[in-house]
Amino acid sequence: MPLEGVPLTPRKELMTAQEIVDIATIFVNNGVTKIRLTGGELY
């Protein structure tokens, strides 16, 4: 990792918890049985 760190995505470009739930609901309604969210740290 560079000494100065890495650029972070601006918060306004991140999905909200509700947006994640909405998309997960759509997936489940279309037959998806497992969803894995990986990476990053919660704010």
PDB file of N, CA and C in Angstrom:
ATOM      1  N   MET A   1       0.855  -1.164   0.000  1.00  0.00           N
ATOM      2  CA  MET A   1       0.000   0.000   0.000  1.00  0.00           C
ATOM      3  C   MET A   1       0.907   1.234   0.000  1.00  0.00           C
ATOM      4  N   PRO A   2       0.532   2.247  -0.768  1.00  0.00           N
ATOM      5  CA  PRO A   2       1.329   3.472  -0.787  1.00  0.00           C
ATOM      6  C   PRO A   2       1.345   4.138   0.589  1.00  0.00           C
ATOM      7  N   LEU A   3       2.439   4.831   0.887  1.00  0.00           N
ATOM      8  CA  LEU A   3       2.547   5.515   2.181  1.00  0.00           C
ATOM      9  C   LEU A   3       1.437   6.527   2.399  1.00  0.00           C
ATOM     10  N   GLU A   4       0.999   7.184   1.314  1.00  0.00           N
ATOM     11  CA  GLU A   4      -0.050   8.199   1.441  1.00  0.00           C
ATOM     12  C   GLU A   4      -1.453   7.594   1.472  1.00  0.00           C
ATOM     13  N   GLY A   5      -1.538   6.265   1.432  1.00  0.00           N
ATOM     14  CA  GLY A   5      -2.839   5.600   1.463  1.00  0.00           C
ATOM     15  C   GLY A   5      -3.452   5.503   0.074  1.00  0.00           C
ATOM     16  N   VAL A   6      -4.686   5.116   0.028  1.00  0.00           N
ATOM     17  CA  VAL A   6      -5.408   4.983  -1.239  1.00  0.00           C
ATOM     18  C   VAL A   6      -6.626   5.895  -1.207  1.00  0.00           C
ATOM     19  N   PRO A   7      -7.031   6.396  -2.364  1.00  0.00           N
ATOM     20  CA  PRO A   7      -8.207   7.274  -2.376  1.00  0.00           C
ATOM     21  C   PRO A   7      -9.480   6.490  -2.032  1.00  0.00           C
ATOM     22  N   LEU A   8     -10.319   7.080  -1.223  1.00  0.00           N
ATOM     23  CA  LEU A   8     -11.583   6.452  -0.843  1.00  0.00           C
ATOM     24  C   LEU A   8     -12.711   6.990  -1.710  1.00  0.00           C
ATOM     25  N   THR A   9     -13.712   6.166  -1.929  1.00  0.00           N
ATOM     26  CA  THR A   9     -14.897   6.591  -2.662  1.00  0.00           C
ATOM     27  C   THR A   9     -15.672   7.573  -1.794  1.00  0.00           C
ATOM     28  N   PRO A  10     -16.095   8.691  -2.369  1.00  0.00           N
ATOM     29  CA  PRO A  10     -16.887   9.649  -1.575  1.00  0.00           C
ATOM     30  C   PRO A  10     -18.158   8.990  -1.032  1.00  0.00           C
ATOM     31  N   ARG A  11     -18.514   9.322   0.180  1.00  0.00           N
ATOM     32  CA  ARG A  11     -19.673   8.710   0.841  1.00  0.00           C
ATOM     33  C   ARG A  11     -20.947   8.848   0.013  1.00  0.00           C
ATOM     34  N   LYS A  12     -21.118   9.989  -0.670  1.00  0.00           N
ATOM     35  CA  LYS A  12     -22.336  10.207  -1.453  1.00  0.00           C
ATOM     36  C   LYS A  12     -22.459   9.217  -2.610  1.00  0.00           C
ATOM     37  N   GLU A  13     -21.358   8.554  -2.993  1.00  0.00           N
ATOM     38  CA  GLU A  13     -21.392   7.576  -4.075  1.00  0.00           C
ATOM     39  C   GLU A  13     -21.601   6.151  -3.574  1.00  0.00           C
ATOM     40  N   LEU A  14     -21.591   5.955  -2.263  1.00  0.00           N
ATOM     41  CA  LEU A  14     -21.794   4.628  -1.697  1.00  0.00           C
ATOM     42  C   LEU A  14     -23.288   4.329  -1.589  1.00  0.00           C
ATOM     43  N   MET A  15     -23.616   3.044  -1.639  1.00  0.00           N
ATOM     44  CA  MET A  15     -25.012   2.646  -1.479  1.00  0.00           C
ATOM     45  C   MET A  15     -25.417   2.782  -0.017  1.00  0.00           C
ATOM     46  N   THR A  16     -26.657   3.173   0.202  1.00  0.00           N
ATOM     47  CA  THR A  16     -27.182   3.216   1.566  1.00  0.00           C
ATOM     48  C   THR A  16     -27.587   1.807   1.981  1.00  0.00           C
ATOM     49  N   ALA A  17     -27.788   1.615   3.272  1.00  0.00           N
ATOM     50  CA  ALA A  17     -28.242   0.314   3.763  1.00  0.00           C
ATOM     51  C   ALA A  17     -29.578  -0.055   3.122  1.00  0.00           C
ATOM     52  N   GLN A  18     -30.462   0.914   2.973  1.00  0.00           N
ATOM     53  CA  GLN A  18     -31.773   0.631   2.385  1.00  0.00           C
ATOM     54  C   GLN A  18     -31.641   0.228   0.919  1.00  0.00           C
ATOM     55  N   GLU A  19     -30.738   0.841   0.181  1.00  0.00           N
ATOM     56  CA  GLU A  19     -30.521   0.461  -1.223  1.00  0.00           C
ATOM     57  C   GLU A  19     -30.012  -0.975  -1.322  1.00  0.00           C
ATOM     58  N   ILE A  20     -29.141  -1.365  -0.395  1.00  0.00           N
ATOM     59  CA  ILE A  20     -28.640  -2.740  -0.387  1.00  0.00           C
ATOM     60  C   ILE A  20     -29.775  -3.711  -0.091  1.00  0.00           C
ATOM     61  N   VAL A  21     -30.605  -3.382   0.889  1.00  0.00           N
ATOM     62  CA  VAL A  21     -31.753  -4.239   1.223  1.00  0.00           C
ATOM     63  C   VAL A  21     -32.698  -4.341   0.032  1.00  0.00           C
ATOM     64  N   ASP A  22     -32.975  -3.241  -0.633  1.00  0.00           N
ATOM     65  CA  ASP A  22     -33.883  -3.246  -1.784  1.00  0.00           C
ATOM     66  C   ASP A  22     -33.360  -4.153  -2.897  1.00  0.00           C
ATOM     67  N   ILE A  23     -32.073  -4.053  -3.202  1.00  0.00           N
ATOM     68  CA  ILE A  23     -31.499  -4.891  -4.257  1.00  0.00           C
ATOM     69  C   ILE A  23     -31.492  -6.353  -3.832  1.00  0.00           C
ATOM     70  N   ALA A  24     -31.141  -6.617  -2.570  1.00  0.00           N
ATOM     71  CA  ALA A  24     -31.149  -7.992  -2.077  1.00  0.00           C
ATOM     72  C   ALA A  24     -32.547  -8.589  -2.164  1.00  0.00           C
ATOM     73  N   THR A  25     -33.562  -7.803  -1.862  1.00  0.00           N
ATOM     74  CA  THR A  25     -34.951  -8.266  -1.955  1.00  0.00           C
ATOM     75  C   THR A  25     -35.305  -8.634  -3.391  1.00  0.00           C
ATOM     76  N   ILE A  26     -34.888  -7.825  -4.329  1.00  0.00           N
ATOM     77  CA  ILE A  26     -35.135  -8.126  -5.747  1.00  0.00           C
ATOM     78  C   ILE A  26     -34.452  -9.437  -6.127  1.00  0.00           C
ATOM     79  N   PHE A  27     -33.202  -9.619  -5.699  1.00  0.00           N
ATOM     80  CA  PHE A  27     -32.487 -10.863  -6.003  1.00  0.00           C
ATOM     81  C   PHE A  27     -33.230 -12.067  -5.440  1.00  0.00           C
ATOM     82  N   VAL A  28     -33.639 -11.983  -4.172  1.00  0.00           N
ATOM     83  CA  VAL A  28     -34.339 -13.094  -3.523  1.00  0.00           C
ATOM     84  C   VAL A  28     -35.652 -13.387  -4.236  1.00  0.00           C
ATOM     85  N   ASN A  29     -36.372 -12.351  -4.625  1.00  0.00           N
ATOM     86  CA  ASN A  29     -37.636 -12.544  -5.337  1.00  0.00           C
ATOM     87  C   ASN A  29     -37.437 -13.183  -6.706  1.00  0.00           C
ATOM     88  N   ASN A  30     -36.207 -13.161  -7.205  1.00  0.00           N
ATOM     89  CA  ASN A  30     -35.896 -13.758  -8.498  1.00  0.00           C
ATOM     90  C   ASN A  30     -35.099 -15.048  -8.360  1.00  0.00           C
ATOM     91  N   GLY A  31     -35.117 -15.648  -7.174  1.00  0.00           N
ATOM     92  CA  GLY A  31     -34.558 -16.976  -6.994  1.00  0.00           C
ATOM     93  C   GLY A  31     -33.170 -17.067  -6.382  1.00  0.00           C
ATOM     94  N   VAL A  32     -32.527 -15.964  -6.092  1.00  0.00           N
ATOM     95  CA  VAL A  32     -31.205 -16.018  -5.469  1.00  0.00           C
ATOM     96  C   VAL A  32     -31.367 -16.494  -4.027  1.00  0.00           C
ATOM     97  N   THR A  33     -30.548 -17.468  -3.622  1.00  0.00           N
ATOM     98  CA  THR A  33     -30.675 -18.022  -2.272  1.00  0.00           C
ATOM     99  C   THR A  33     -29.516 -17.647  -1.357  1.00  0.00           C
ATOM    100  N   LYS A  34     -28.434 -17.130  -1.926  1.00  0.00           N
ATOM    101  CA  LYS A  34     -27.294 -16.721  -1.101  1.00  0.00           C
ATOM    102  C   LYS A  34     -26.759 -15.394  -1.613  1.00  0.00           C
ATOM    103  N   ILE A  35     -26.485 -14.497  -0.692  1.00  0.00           N
ATOM    104  CA  ILE A  35     -25.903 -13.194  -1.028  1.00  0.00           C
ATOM    105  C   ILE A  35     -24.728 -12.978  -0.087  1.00  0.00           C
ATOM    106  N   ARG A  36     -23.578 -12.648  -0.642  1.00  0.00           N
ATOM    107  CA  ARG A  36     -22.391 -12.402   0.177  1.00  0.00           C
ATOM    108  C   ARG A  36     -21.878 -10.991  -0.095  1.00  0.00           C
ATOM    109  N   LEU A  37     -21.790 -10.205   0.939  1.00  0.00           N
ATOM    110  CA  LEU A  37     -21.219  -8.863   0.844  1.00  0.00           C
ATOM    111  C   LEU A  37     -19.821  -8.929   1.439  1.00  0.00           C
ATOM    112  N   THR A  38     -18.832  -8.512   0.674  1.00  0.00           N
ATOM    113  CA  THR A  38     -17.454  -8.619   1.141  1.00  0.00           C
ATOM    114  C   THR A  38     -16.729  -7.291   1.014  1.00  0.00           C
ATOM    115  N   GLY A  39     -15.665  -7.165   1.751  1.00  0.00           N
ATOM    116  CA  GLY A  39     -14.765  -6.030   1.625  1.00  0.00           C
ATOM    117  C   GLY A  39     -15.246  -4.783   2.314  1.00  0.00           C
ATOM    118  N   GLY A  40     -14.301  -3.911   2.543  1.00  0.00           N
ATOM    119  CA  GLY A  40     -14.618  -2.615   3.123  1.00  0.00           C
ATOM    120  C   GLY A  40     -14.979  -2.690   4.591  1.00  0.00           C
ATOM    121  N   GLU A  41     -15.026  -1.544   5.180  1.00  0.00           N
ATOM    122  CA  GLU A  41     -15.434  -1.433   6.576  1.00  0.00           C
ATOM    123  C   GLU A  41     -16.658  -0.547   6.653  1.00  0.00           C
ATOM    124  N   LEU A  42     -17.529  -0.845   7.582  1.00  0.00           N
ATOM    125  CA  LEU A  42     -18.740  -0.057   7.755  1.00  0.00           C
ATOM    126  C   LEU A  42     -18.398   1.278   8.379  1.00  0.00           C
ATOM    127  N   TYR A  43     -19.149   2.280   8.030  1.00  0.00           N
ATOM    128  CA  TYR A  43     -18.948   3.609   8.606  1.00  0.00           C
ATOM    129  C   TYR A  43     -19.840   3.793   9.794  1.00  0.00           C
TER     130      TYR A  43
END
